[in-house]
N, C-alpha and C. Protein backbone atom coordinates (compact mmCIF):
# COMPACT_ATOMS: atom_id res chain seq x y z
N UNK A 1 -4.25 -19.87 37.12
CA UNK A 1 -4.83 -18.72 35.94
C UNK A 1 -3.58 -19.34 34.72
N UNK A 2 -4.03 -18.15 33.64
CA UNK A 2 -3.35 -18.62 32.71
C UNK A 2 -3.08 -16.95 32.59
N UNK A 3 -1.29 -16.45 32.19
CA UNK A 3 -1.46 -15.67 31.95
C UNK A 3 -2.27 -14.81 30.94
N UNK A 4 -2.76 -13.59 30.79
CA UNK A 4 -3.32 -13.06 29.82
C UNK A 4 -1.98 -12.48 28.78
N UNK A 5 -2.33 -12.73 27.43
CA UNK A 5 -1.57 -12.26 26.43
C UNK A 5 -2.35 -11.32 25.78
N UNK A 6 -1.24 -10.06 25.61
CA UNK A 6 -1.00 -9.09 24.89
C UNK A 6 -1.07 -8.79 23.80
N UNK A 7 -1.39 -8.54 22.97
CA UNK A 7 -0.92 -7.80 21.39
C UNK A 7 0.64 -8.00 21.37
N UNK A 8 1.57 -7.43 21.83
CA UNK A 8 2.70 -7.91 21.34
C UNK A 8 3.24 -9.60 21.88
N UNK A 9 1.81 -9.90 21.73
CA UNK A 9 2.49 -11.69 22.80
C UNK A 9 2.12 -12.25 21.04
N UNK A 10 1.60 -11.73 20.31
CA UNK A 10 0.89 -12.44 19.11
C UNK A 10 1.87 -11.81 17.93
N UNK A 11 2.43 -13.02 17.40
CA UNK A 11 3.60 -13.10 16.18
C UNK A 11 3.20 -12.13 14.97
N UNK A 12 1.76 -12.07 14.46
CA UNK A 12 1.48 -11.76 12.98
C UNK A 12 1.36 -10.14 13.88
N UNK A 13 0.77 -9.47 14.59
CA UNK A 13 0.78 -8.25 15.29
C UNK A 13 2.04 -7.58 15.23
N UNK A 14 3.41 -8.16 15.71
CA UNK A 14 4.53 -7.73 15.59
C UNK A 14 4.84 -7.97 14.80
N UNK A 15 4.58 -8.83 13.36
CA UNK A 15 5.01 -8.75 12.64
C UNK A 15 4.10 -7.59 11.26
N UNK A 16 3.16 -7.62 11.91
CA UNK A 16 2.11 -6.04 10.80
C UNK A 16 3.06 -5.15 11.23
N UNK A 17 3.45 -4.70 12.67
CA UNK A 17 3.61 -3.63 13.13
C UNK A 17 5.53 -3.56 12.90
N UNK A 18 6.56 -4.40 11.82
CA UNK A 18 7.71 -4.11 12.10
C UNK A 18 7.47 -4.44 10.38
N UNK A 19 6.22 -4.35 9.85
CA UNK A 19 6.13 -4.27 7.93
C UNK A 19 5.52 -2.76 7.96
N UNK A 20 4.82 -2.27 8.92
CA UNK A 20 4.34 -0.86 8.89
C UNK A 20 5.17 0.39 8.82
N UNK A 21 6.12 -0.16 9.75
CA UNK A 21 7.14 0.71 10.41
C UNK A 21 8.34 0.47 9.13
N UNK A 22 8.34 -0.31 8.76
CA UNK A 22 9.76 -0.61 7.13
C UNK A 22 8.50 0.81 6.05
N UNK A 23 7.75 0.23 6.18
CA UNK A 23 6.30 1.30 4.71
C UNK A 23 7.13 2.84 5.29
N UNK A 24 7.03 2.50 6.50
CA UNK A 24 6.84 4.71 7.24
C UNK A 24 8.38 5.10 7.23
N UNK A 25 9.34 4.07 7.04
CA UNK A 25 10.96 4.54 6.53
C UNK A 25 11.04 4.98 6.02
N UNK A 26 10.59 3.97 4.42
CA UNK A 26 10.79 4.71 3.61
C UNK A 26 9.92 5.22 2.67
N UNK A 27 8.96 5.78 3.27
CA UNK A 27 8.16 7.04 2.92
C UNK A 27 8.71 8.13 3.73
N UNK A 28 9.20 8.11 4.95
CA UNK A 28 9.87 9.21 5.01
C UNK A 28 11.16 9.73 4.44
N UNK A 29 11.33 8.26 3.58
CA UNK A 29 12.84 8.10 2.41
C UNK A 29 12.91 9.17 1.57
N UNK A 30 11.43 9.04 0.62
CA UNK A 30 11.09 9.52 -0.13
C UNK A 30 10.64 10.89 -0.50
N UNK A 31 10.44 10.88 0.70
CA UNK A 31 9.98 12.67 1.40
C UNK A 31 10.60 13.42 1.78
N UNK A 32 11.87 13.38 2.34
CA UNK A 32 12.87 13.94 2.96
C UNK A 32 13.17 14.70 2.51
N UNK A 33 13.61 15.63 0.79
CA UNK A 33 13.70 17.15 0.38
C UNK A 33 12.50 17.65 1.39
N UNK A 34 10.83 17.67 1.11
CA UNK A 34 9.58 18.03 0.72
C UNK A 34 9.18 18.13 2.55
N UNK A 35 10.34 17.27 3.32
CA UNK A 35 9.75 17.08 5.03
C UNK A 35 10.49 18.21 5.24
N UNK A 36 11.38 18.67 4.98
CA UNK A 36 12.63 18.90 5.04
C UNK A 36 12.30 20.54 5.39
N UNK A 37 10.71 21.22 3.96
CA UNK A 37 10.95 22.48 3.71
C UNK A 37 9.51 22.75 4.98
N UNK A 38 8.72 22.14 4.86
CA UNK A 38 7.25 21.90 5.66
C UNK A 38 7.36 22.03 7.16
N UNK A 39 6.85 23.04 8.00
CA UNK A 39 6.65 23.68 8.95
C UNK A 39 6.51 22.07 10.14
N UNK A 40 5.47 21.11 9.60
CA UNK A 40 5.09 20.34 10.34
C UNK A 40 6.00 19.38 10.65
N UNK A 41 6.72 19.01 9.11
CA UNK A 41 7.60 17.85 9.12
C UNK A 41 9.48 18.25 9.11
N UNK A 42 9.90 18.78 9.59
CA UNK A 42 10.93 18.94 9.62
C UNK A 42 12.02 18.94 10.46
N UNK A 43 11.44 18.55 11.57
CA UNK A 43 11.74 18.08 12.66
C UNK A 43 12.73 16.81 12.92
N UNK A 44 11.71 15.68 12.36
CA UNK A 44 11.58 14.92 11.49
C UNK A 44 13.11 14.35 12.04
N UNK A 45 14.05 13.02 11.93
CA UNK A 45 15.36 12.68 11.67
C UNK A 45 15.97 13.26 10.85
N UNK A 46 15.25 12.03 9.29
CA UNK A 46 15.98 12.85 8.34
C UNK A 46 15.84 14.19 7.52
N UNK A 47 14.99 15.46 7.43
CA UNK A 47 15.31 16.24 7.79
C UNK A 47 16.50 17.12 8.79
N UNK A 48 16.34 16.90 9.87
CA UNK A 48 16.93 17.10 10.54
C UNK A 48 18.88 16.56 10.87
N UNK A 49 19.19 15.79 9.80
CA UNK A 49 20.55 15.25 9.63
C UNK A 49 20.32 14.36 10.30
N UNK A 50 20.06 13.80 11.63
CA UNK A 50 19.63 12.72 12.92
C UNK A 50 19.87 11.60 12.20
N UNK A 51 19.52 11.20 10.89
CA UNK A 51 19.61 9.87 10.25
C UNK A 51 19.62 9.89 8.60
N UNK A 52 20.90 9.35 8.56
CA UNK A 52 20.94 9.49 6.90
C UNK A 52 20.22 8.96 5.83
N UNK A 53 20.20 9.53 4.80
CA UNK A 53 18.73 8.80 3.50
C UNK A 53 19.23 7.36 3.61
N UNK A 54 20.79 6.84 3.04
CA UNK A 54 21.11 5.89 3.42
C UNK A 54 20.85 5.00 4.23
N UNK A 55 21.17 5.19 5.73
CA UNK A 55 20.10 4.49 6.78
C UNK A 55 18.62 3.99 6.94
N UNK A 56 18.20 5.18 6.37
CA UNK A 56 16.81 5.39 6.29
C UNK A 56 16.09 4.37 5.29
N UNK A 57 16.79 4.41 4.25
CA UNK A 57 16.49 3.49 3.28
C UNK A 57 16.96 1.76 2.86
N UNK A 58 17.86 1.67 4.63
CA UNK A 58 18.56 0.45 4.17
C UNK A 58 17.79 0.01 4.92
N UNK A 59 17.74 0.15 6.35
CA UNK A 59 16.60 0.01 7.19
C UNK A 59 15.37 -0.22 7.29
N UNK A 60 14.60 0.46 6.35
CA UNK A 60 13.18 0.16 5.65
C UNK A 60 12.94 -1.53 4.90
N UNK A 61 14.13 -1.03 3.93
CA UNK A 61 14.25 -2.20 2.82
C UNK A 61 14.28 -3.66 3.55
N UNK A 62 14.94 -3.46 4.73
CA UNK A 62 15.53 -4.60 5.43
C UNK A 62 14.21 -5.09 6.38
N UNK A 63 13.84 -4.21 6.52
CA UNK A 63 12.68 -4.51 8.00
C UNK A 63 11.48 -5.25 6.42
N UNK A 64 11.01 -4.48 5.43
CA UNK A 64 10.26 -4.94 4.89
C UNK A 64 10.52 -6.49 4.40
N UNK A 65 11.53 -6.53 4.06
CA UNK A 65 12.41 -7.78 2.96
C UNK A 65 11.61 -8.72 4.48
N UNK A 66 12.77 -8.74 5.51
CA UNK A 66 12.62 -9.51 6.67
C UNK A 66 10.97 -9.86 6.97
N UNK A 67 10.12 -8.68 7.23
CA UNK A 67 8.77 -9.10 7.38
C UNK A 67 8.02 -10.09 6.80
N UNK A 68 8.21 -9.86 5.10
CA UNK A 68 7.90 -10.02 4.10
C UNK A 68 8.07 -11.54 4.15
N UNK A 69 9.80 -11.97 4.34
CA UNK A 69 9.87 -13.20 4.09
C UNK A 69 9.31 -14.23 5.84
N UNK A 70 9.34 -13.76 7.08
CA UNK A 70 8.13 -13.98 8.13
C UNK A 70 6.95 -14.57 7.71
N UNK A 71 6.18 -13.11 6.81
CA UNK A 71 5.21 -13.93 6.27
C UNK A 71 5.10 -15.08 6.13
N UNK A 72 6.09 -15.13 4.53
CA UNK A 72 5.75 -15.98 3.78
C UNK A 72 6.32 -17.50 4.70
N UNK A 73 6.54 -17.49 5.40
CA UNK A 73 7.19 -19.15 6.48
C UNK A 73 5.66 -19.20 7.40
N UNK A 74 5.07 -18.13 7.81
CA UNK A 74 4.24 -18.34 8.41
C UNK A 74 2.62 -17.89 8.29
N UNK A 75 2.32 -16.96 7.38
CA UNK A 75 0.91 -16.67 6.33
C UNK A 75 0.82 -17.19 5.63
N UNK A 76 1.57 -17.68 4.46
CA UNK A 76 2.15 -17.90 2.54
C UNK A 76 1.45 -17.18 2.06
N UNK A 77 1.69 -17.24 0.64
CA UNK A 77 2.32 -15.92 -0.10
C UNK A 77 0.99 -15.32 -0.64
N UNK A 78 0.10 -15.82 0.43
CA UNK A 78 -1.32 -14.47 -0.07
C UNK A 78 -1.11 -13.58 0.85
N UNK A 79 -0.34 -13.58 2.06
CA UNK A 79 -0.58 -12.24 3.06
C UNK A 79 0.10 -12.00 2.51
N UNK A 80 1.50 -12.04 2.13
CA UNK A 80 3.05 -12.40 1.53
C UNK A 80 2.49 -10.80 0.19
N UNK A 81 2.16 -11.64 -0.74
CA UNK A 81 1.48 -10.57 -1.88
C UNK A 81 0.42 -9.75 -0.64
N UNK A 82 -0.45 -9.68 0.12
CA UNK A 82 -1.47 -8.68 0.22
C UNK A 82 -0.85 -7.31 1.12
N UNK A 83 0.19 -7.85 1.74
CA UNK A 83 1.35 -6.58 2.36
C UNK A 83 2.26 -6.22 0.99
N UNK A 84 2.58 -6.89 0.45
CA UNK A 84 3.97 -5.71 -0.51
C UNK A 84 3.16 -5.23 -1.48
N UNK A 85 1.90 -5.35 -1.64
CA UNK A 85 0.70 -5.12 -2.40
C UNK A 85 0.43 -3.28 -2.13
N UNK A 86 0.27 -3.36 -0.36
CA UNK A 86 -0.15 -2.73 0.28
C UNK A 86 1.20 -1.83 -0.03
N UNK A 87 2.15 -1.75 0.57
CA UNK A 87 3.46 -0.85 0.34
C UNK A 87 3.72 -0.31 -0.97
N UNK A 88 3.95 -1.49 -1.69
CA UNK A 88 3.94 -0.91 -3.17
C UNK A 88 3.12 0.61 -3.12
N UNK A 89 1.91 0.17 -3.02
CA UNK A 89 1.07 1.35 -3.70
C UNK A 89 1.06 2.45 -2.77
N UNK A 90 1.14 2.20 -1.32
CA UNK A 90 1.13 3.65 -0.65
C UNK A 90 2.86 4.42 -1.34
N UNK A 91 4.01 3.21 -1.21
CA UNK A 91 5.17 4.48 -1.88
C UNK A 91 5.13 4.61 -2.92
N UNK A 92 3.91 3.63 -4.22
CA UNK A 92 4.77 4.19 -5.22
C UNK A 92 3.56 5.19 -6.06
N UNK A 93 2.72 4.74 -5.01
CA UNK A 93 1.24 5.43 -6.04
C UNK A 93 1.08 6.81 -4.93
N UNK A 94 0.34 5.95 -3.67
CA UNK A 94 -0.24 7.43 -3.03
C UNK A 94 0.86 8.96 -2.68
N UNK A 95 2.24 8.31 -2.02
CA UNK A 95 3.46 8.94 -1.49
C UNK A 95 3.62 10.17 -3.00
N UNK A 96 3.51 10.24 -4.02
CA UNK A 96 4.60 10.61 -5.37
C UNK A 96 2.93 11.52 -5.29
N UNK A 97 1.79 10.82 -5.09
CA UNK A 97 0.21 11.79 -5.51
C UNK A 97 0.04 13.16 -5.15
N UNK A 98 0.68 12.55 -3.75
CA UNK A 98 0.52 13.52 -2.54
C UNK A 98 0.59 15.28 -3.13
N UNK A 99 1.77 15.03 -3.26
CA UNK A 99 1.60 16.45 -4.27
C UNK A 99 1.04 17.35 -4.84
N UNK A 100 0.68 16.21 -5.90
CA UNK A 100 0.23 17.08 -7.26
C UNK A 100 -1.38 16.74 -6.89
N UNK A 101 -2.13 16.14 -6.00
CA UNK A 101 -3.77 16.55 -5.81
C UNK A 101 -4.02 16.05 -4.22
N UNK A 102 -5.06 17.07 -4.15
CA UNK A 102 -6.02 17.29 -3.19
C UNK A 102 -6.12 15.97 -2.70
N UNK A 103 -6.30 14.86 -3.40
CA UNK A 103 -7.33 13.59 -3.24
C UNK A 103 -6.14 12.76 -1.98
N UNK A 104 -5.34 13.51 -2.10
CA UNK A 104 -4.50 12.54 -1.37
C UNK A 104 -4.03 12.92 -0.58
N UNK A 105 -4.28 13.75 -0.16
CA UNK A 105 -3.94 15.00 1.09
C UNK A 105 -4.77 15.49 1.71
N UNK A 106 -6.20 15.48 1.91
CA UNK A 106 -7.20 15.99 2.89
C UNK A 106 -7.36 15.00 4.39
N UNK A 107 -7.91 15.82 5.02
CA UNK A 107 -7.75 15.83 6.23
C UNK A 107 -9.16 14.57 6.35
N UNK A 108 -10.04 13.95 5.41
CA UNK A 108 -11.13 13.25 5.61
C UNK A 108 -10.18 11.54 5.17
N UNK A 109 -9.87 10.81 5.87
CA UNK A 109 -9.10 9.81 4.88
C UNK A 109 -9.87 8.87 4.26
N UNK A 110 -11.15 9.12 3.65
CA UNK A 110 -11.75 8.02 2.88
C UNK A 110 -11.48 9.55 1.18
N UNK A 111 -11.24 10.54 1.23
CA UNK A 111 -10.98 11.21 0.27
C UNK A 111 -9.62 10.92 0.47
N UNK A 112 -8.87 11.00 1.16
CA UNK A 112 -7.66 11.05 0.64
C UNK A 112 -6.85 9.46 0.33
N UNK A 113 -7.67 8.20 0.49
CA UNK A 113 -7.12 7.48 -0.34
C UNK A 113 -8.20 6.84 -1.51
N UNK A 114 -8.80 8.33 -1.91
CA UNK A 114 -10.11 7.63 -3.15
C UNK A 114 -8.42 7.78 -4.45
N UNK A 115 -7.63 8.53 -4.59
CA UNK A 115 -6.59 8.21 -5.31
C UNK A 115 -6.05 7.36 -5.69
N UNK A 116 -5.77 6.12 -4.61
CA UNK A 116 -5.17 5.19 -4.35
C UNK A 116 -7.06 4.41 -5.58
N UNK A 117 -7.37 4.06 -4.43
CA UNK A 117 -8.80 2.78 -4.75
C UNK A 117 -10.37 4.37 -4.95
N UNK A 118 -10.48 4.09 -5.90
CA UNK A 118 -11.38 5.59 -6.09
C UNK A 118 -12.99 4.58 -5.30
N UNK A 119 -13.12 3.83 -4.99
CA UNK A 119 -13.90 3.09 -4.76
C UNK A 119 -14.74 3.22 -3.04
N UNK A 120 -13.42 3.91 -2.63
CA UNK A 120 -13.03 4.41 -1.47
C UNK A 120 -13.70 5.61 -0.87
């Protein structure tokens, strides 16, 4: 009988998890000053000083670069373009807009993404 495979046995899942983790590490780098002032987020590693900003930036950038390189070798240019676009949109559009508009910070995920994609 063949062994049952789980999600972690799937290289695509592992690569996706790495790219998401990289994007979140970069997001925490960008929001570290705001996180330090908010009750809910002030105990995260960067605001508390358990991780240095340069470490978070380096790890996030390295993980994202490695993840995109793996995608390029295994899934092709379209997968790289889509993943890079998602990370870029999250980091360069959604994150900076969060303090400016309530559309990016509501509890309704469809509304909070509407600042990035108005059709949602």
